[in-house]
């Protein structure tokens, strides 16, 4: 996996992820959740912000299976998926990641034919601190 390259606004996201917590930025004045992180609230224009923990539950909003892999370092794991997850607490927030069988499972651990838009997923953190998504168990 390629390590994230945090910027000043997004660095807290990665710090929380490294601790196994999914948090998103929220306006400290109007309470609106937002992602990606940014200095100013797009709703009320406040510069006050905080990081709120979210459940990590969501649904697959979209996905792709790159053919061939876009990056040579991922060729050995092809075919792999990249999913877009709509968070349960904030459907306008969509996070990108991979659907895997378990927190430290390889990128190709879920066959592409099993991925369905609308399927429920839950965030899981691997040993490297990167958020991934696993199918929600019924």
C-alpha atoms as a PDB file:
ATOM      1  CA  UNK A   1       0.000   0.000   0.000  1.00  0.00           C
ATOM      2  CA  UNK A   2       1.129   3.505  -0.665  1.00  0.00           C
ATOM      3  CA  UNK A   3       1.341   5.590   2.515  1.00  0.00           C
ATOM      4  CA  UNK A   4      -0.849   8.704   2.740  1.00  0.00           C
ATOM      5  CA  UNK A   5       0.681  12.122   2.227  1.00  0.00           C
ATOM      6  CA  UNK A   6      -1.220  14.295   4.727  1.00  0.00           C
ATOM      7  CA  UNK A   7      -1.607  18.011   4.305  1.00  0.00           C
ATOM      8  CA  UNK A   8      -2.181  20.408   7.204  1.00  0.00           C
ATOM      9  CA  UNK A   9      -5.986  20.155   7.028  1.00  0.00           C
ATOM     10  CA  UNK A  10      -6.101  16.370   6.624  1.00  0.00           C
ATOM     11  CA  UNK A  11      -3.319  15.352   9.023  1.00  0.00           C
ATOM     12  CA  UNK A  12      -5.729  14.743  11.963  1.00  0.00           C
ATOM     13  CA  UNK A  13      -7.728  12.260   9.832  1.00  0.00           C
ATOM     14  CA  UNK A  14      -4.604  10.118   9.422  1.00  0.00           C
ATOM     15  CA  UNK A  15      -3.568  10.499  13.072  1.00  0.00           C
ATOM     16  CA  UNK A  16      -6.966   9.188  14.213  1.00  0.00           C
ATOM     17  CA  UNK A  17      -6.885   6.403  11.584  1.00  0.00           C
ATOM     18  CA  UNK A  18      -3.502   5.299  12.904  1.00  0.00           C
ATOM     19  CA  UNK A  19      -5.257   4.797  16.278  1.00  0.00           C
ATOM     20  CA  UNK A  20      -8.094   2.826  14.658  1.00  0.00           C
ATOM     21  CA  UNK A  21     -10.664   5.638  14.750  1.00  0.00           C
ATOM     22  CA  UNK A  22     -12.669   6.983  11.839  1.00  0.00           C
ATOM     23  CA  UNK A  23     -13.239  10.686  12.387  1.00  0.00           C
ATOM     24  CA  UNK A  24     -14.409  13.417  10.066  1.00  0.00           C
ATOM     25  CA  UNK A  25     -14.091  17.143  10.376  1.00  0.00           C
ATOM     26  CA  UNK A  26     -17.128  19.045  11.667  1.00  0.00           C
ATOM     27  CA  UNK A  27     -17.884  22.730  11.966  1.00  0.00           C
ATOM     28  CA  UNK A  28     -17.655  23.708  15.635  1.00  0.00           C
ATOM     29  CA  UNK A  29     -20.304  26.414  15.054  1.00  0.00           C
ATOM     30  CA  UNK A  30     -23.055  24.871  12.881  1.00  0.00           C
ATOM     31  CA  UNK A  31     -22.141  21.191  13.452  1.00  0.00           C
ATOM     32  CA  UNK A  32     -22.098  20.229   9.762  1.00  0.00           C
ATOM     33  CA  UNK A  33     -19.833  17.255   8.992  1.00  0.00           C
ATOM     34  CA  UNK A  34     -17.481  17.726   6.041  1.00  0.00           C
ATOM     35  CA  UNK A  35     -14.971  15.780   3.998  1.00  0.00           C
ATOM     36  CA  UNK A  36     -12.461  16.365   2.617  1.00  0.00           C
ATOM     37  CA  UNK A  37     -11.133  18.495   5.477  1.00  0.00           C
ATOM     38  CA  UNK A  38     -10.780  22.204   4.812  1.00  0.00           C
ATOM     39  CA  UNK A  39     -10.146  25.357   6.816  1.00  0.00           C
ATOM     40  CA  UNK A  40     -13.576  26.956   6.325  1.00  0.00           C
ATOM     41  CA  UNK A  41     -17.096  25.549   6.695  1.00  0.00           C
ATOM     42  CA  UNK A  42     -18.850  25.663   3.301  1.00  0.00           C
ATOM     43  CA  UNK A  43     -22.230  26.031   5.051  1.00  0.00           C
ATOM     44  CA  UNK A  44     -21.723  28.866   7.551  1.00  0.00           C
ATOM     45  CA  UNK A  45     -18.187  30.051   6.647  1.00  0.00           C
ATOM     46  CA  UNK A  46     -16.850  29.506  10.162  1.00  0.00           C
ATOM     47  CA  UNK A  47     -13.178  28.701  10.641  1.00  0.00           C
ATOM     48  CA  UNK A  48     -13.863  26.780  13.875  1.00  0.00           C
ATOM     49  CA  UNK A  49     -13.641  23.020  13.467  1.00  0.00           C
ATOM     50  CA  UNK A  50     -13.387  19.771  15.421  1.00  0.00           C
ATOM     51  CA  UNK A  51     -12.999  16.086  14.590  1.00  0.00           C
ATOM     52  CA  UNK A  52     -15.976  13.821  15.341  1.00  0.00           C
ATOM     53  CA  UNK A  53     -15.865  10.065  15.583  1.00  0.00           C
ATOM     54  CA  UNK A  54     -18.285   8.292  13.249  1.00  0.00           C
ATOM     55  CA  UNK A  55     -19.422   4.672  13.334  1.00  0.00           C
ATOM     56  CA  UNK A  56     -17.701   3.659  10.106  1.00  0.00           C
ATOM     57  CA  UNK A  57     -20.911   2.108   8.803  1.00  0.00           C
ATOM     58  CA  UNK A  58     -21.823   2.874   5.236  1.00  0.00           C
ATOM     59  CA  UNK A  59     -22.934   1.650   1.830  1.00  0.00           C
ATOM     60  CA  UNK A  60     -21.034   1.144  -1.384  1.00  0.00           C
ATOM     61  CA  UNK A  61     -21.955   4.129  -3.542  1.00  0.00           C
ATOM     62  CA  UNK A  62     -19.723   3.216  -6.492  1.00  0.00           C
ATOM     63  CA  UNK A  63     -16.708   1.099  -7.361  1.00  0.00           C
ATOM     64  CA  UNK A  64     -14.177   0.312 -10.075  1.00  0.00           C
ATOM     65  CA  UNK A  65     -11.823  -2.542 -10.815  1.00  0.00           C
ATOM     66  CA  UNK A  66      -8.851  -1.090 -12.731  1.00  0.00           C
ATOM     67  CA  UNK A  67      -7.702  -3.179 -15.729  1.00  0.00           C
ATOM     68  CA  UNK A  68      -4.751  -3.131 -15.962  1.00  0.00           C
ATOM     69  CA  UNK A  69      -3.682  -1.832 -12.551  1.00  0.00           C
ATOM     70  CA  UNK A  70      -3.089   1.901 -12.669  1.00  0.00           C
ATOM     71  CA  UNK A  71       0.094   1.637 -10.606  1.00  0.00           C
ATOM     72  CA  UNK A  72       2.763  -1.004 -11.314  1.00  0.00           C
ATOM     73  CA  UNK A  73       3.216  -1.669  -7.572  1.00  0.00           C
ATOM     74  CA  UNK A  74      -0.325  -3.116  -7.498  1.00  0.00           C
ATOM     75  CA  UNK A  75       0.024  -5.460 -10.508  1.00  0.00           C
ATOM     76  CA  UNK A  76       0.572  -8.550  -8.328  1.00  0.00           C
ATOM     77  CA  UNK A  77      -2.740  -7.912  -6.498  1.00  0.00           C
ATOM     78  CA  UNK A  78      -4.866  -7.419  -9.615  1.00  0.00           C
ATOM     79  CA  UNK A  79      -7.717  -7.539 -10.036  1.00  0.00           C
ATOM     80  CA  UNK A  80      -8.431  -5.343  -7.026  1.00  0.00           C
ATOM     81  CA  UNK A  81     -11.260  -2.957  -6.269  1.00  0.00           C
ATOM     82  CA  UNK A  82     -11.530   0.681  -5.323  1.00  0.00           C
ATOM     83  CA  UNK A  83     -14.857   1.543  -3.704  1.00  0.00           C
ATOM     84  CA  UNK A  84     -16.591   4.779  -2.785  1.00  0.00           C
ATOM     85  CA  UNK A  85     -18.450   4.513   0.537  1.00  0.00           C
ATOM     86  CA  UNK A  86     -21.337   6.749   1.557  1.00  0.00           C
ATOM     87  CA  UNK A  87     -21.227   7.172   5.353  1.00  0.00           C
ATOM     88  CA  UNK A  88     -24.369   6.244   7.299  1.00  0.00           C
ATOM     89  CA  UNK A  89     -24.184   9.354   9.522  1.00  0.00           C
ATOM     90  CA  UNK A  90     -23.550  11.741   6.645  1.00  0.00           C
ATOM     91  CA  UNK A  91     -24.651  10.421   3.233  1.00  0.00           C
ATOM     92  CA  UNK A  92     -23.093  13.420   1.481  1.00  0.00           C
ATOM     93  CA  UNK A  93     -19.676  12.302   2.730  1.00  0.00           C
ATOM     94  CA  UNK A  94     -18.078   9.662   0.551  1.00  0.00           C
ATOM     95  CA  UNK A  95     -14.740   8.017   1.322  1.00  0.00           C
ATOM     96  CA  UNK A  96     -12.578   6.040  -1.083  1.00  0.00           C
ATOM     97  CA  UNK A  97     -10.931   2.755  -0.133  1.00  0.00           C
ATOM     98  CA  UNK A  98     -10.821  -0.954  -0.822  1.00  0.00           C
ATOM     99  CA  UNK A  99     -13.309  -3.690   0.013  1.00  0.00           C
ATOM    100  CA  UNK A 100     -11.414  -6.544   1.671  1.00  0.00           C
ATOM    101  CA  UNK A 101     -12.269  -9.740   3.556  1.00  0.00           C
ATOM    102  CA  UNK A 102     -10.596  -8.527   6.771  1.00  0.00           C
ATOM    103  CA  UNK A 103      -8.503  -5.640   8.124  1.00  0.00           C
ATOM    104  CA  UNK A 104      -5.170  -7.056   6.936  1.00  0.00           C
ATOM    105  CA  UNK A 105      -6.445  -9.081   3.971  1.00  0.00           C
ATOM    106  CA  UNK A 106      -4.918  -8.436   0.545  1.00  0.00           C
ATOM    107  CA  UNK A 107      -6.601  -6.083  -1.909  1.00  0.00           C
ATOM    108  CA  UNK A 108      -7.734  -9.018  -4.046  1.00  0.00           C
ATOM    109  CA  UNK A 109      -9.425 -10.872  -1.151  1.00  0.00           C
ATOM    110  CA  UNK A 110     -12.964 -10.094  -2.418  1.00  0.00           C
ATOM    111  CA  UNK A 111     -13.743 -11.226  -5.970  1.00  0.00           C
ATOM    112  CA  UNK A 112     -14.944  -8.276  -8.098  1.00  0.00           C
ATOM    113  CA  UNK A 113     -18.126 -10.181  -8.989  1.00  0.00           C
ATOM    114  CA  UNK A 114     -19.262 -10.077  -5.345  1.00  0.00           C
ATOM    115  CA  UNK A 115     -19.248  -6.269  -5.116  1.00  0.00           C
ATOM    116  CA  UNK A 116     -22.665  -4.630  -5.259  1.00  0.00           C
ATOM    117  CA  UNK A 117     -23.622  -0.968  -5.152  1.00  0.00           C
ATOM    118  CA  UNK A 118     -25.743  -0.426  -2.045  1.00  0.00           C
ATOM    119  CA  UNK A 119     -24.083  -3.217  -0.033  1.00  0.00           C
ATOM    120  CA  UNK A 120     -23.485  -2.368   3.605  1.00  0.00           C
ATOM    121  CA  UNK A 121     -19.880  -2.103   4.739  1.00  0.00           C
ATOM    122  CA  UNK A 122     -17.980  -1.283   7.904  1.00  0.00           C
ATOM    123  CA  UNK A 123     -14.612   0.408   8.273  1.00  0.00           C
ATOM    124  CA  UNK A 124     -11.705  -1.727   9.457  1.00  0.00           C
ATOM    125  CA  UNK A 125      -8.157  -0.637  10.173  1.00  0.00           C
ATOM    126  CA  UNK A 126      -5.171  -2.723   9.174  1.00  0.00           C
ATOM    127  CA  UNK A 127      -1.895  -2.945  11.033  1.00  0.00           C
ATOM    128  CA  UNK A 128      -0.634  -0.100   8.821  1.00  0.00           C
ATOM    129  CA  UNK A 129      -3.386   2.233  10.125  1.00  0.00           C
ATOM    130  CA  UNK A 130      -5.094   2.607   6.741  1.00  0.00           C
ATOM    131  CA  UNK A 131      -8.886   2.475   6.717  1.00  0.00           C
ATOM    132  CA  UNK A 132     -10.358  -0.295   4.605  1.00  0.00           C
ATOM    133  CA  UNK A 133     -13.909  -1.574   4.230  1.00  0.00           C
ATOM    134  CA  UNK A 134     -15.272  -5.024   5.025  1.00  0.00           C
ATOM    135  CA  UNK A 135     -18.716  -6.396   4.238  1.00  0.00           C
ATOM    136  CA  UNK A 136     -21.129  -5.848   7.120  1.00  0.00           C
ATOM    137  CA  UNK A 137     -22.093  -9.090   8.779  1.00  0.00           C
ATOM    138  CA  UNK A 138     -25.851  -9.580   9.028  1.00  0.00           C
END
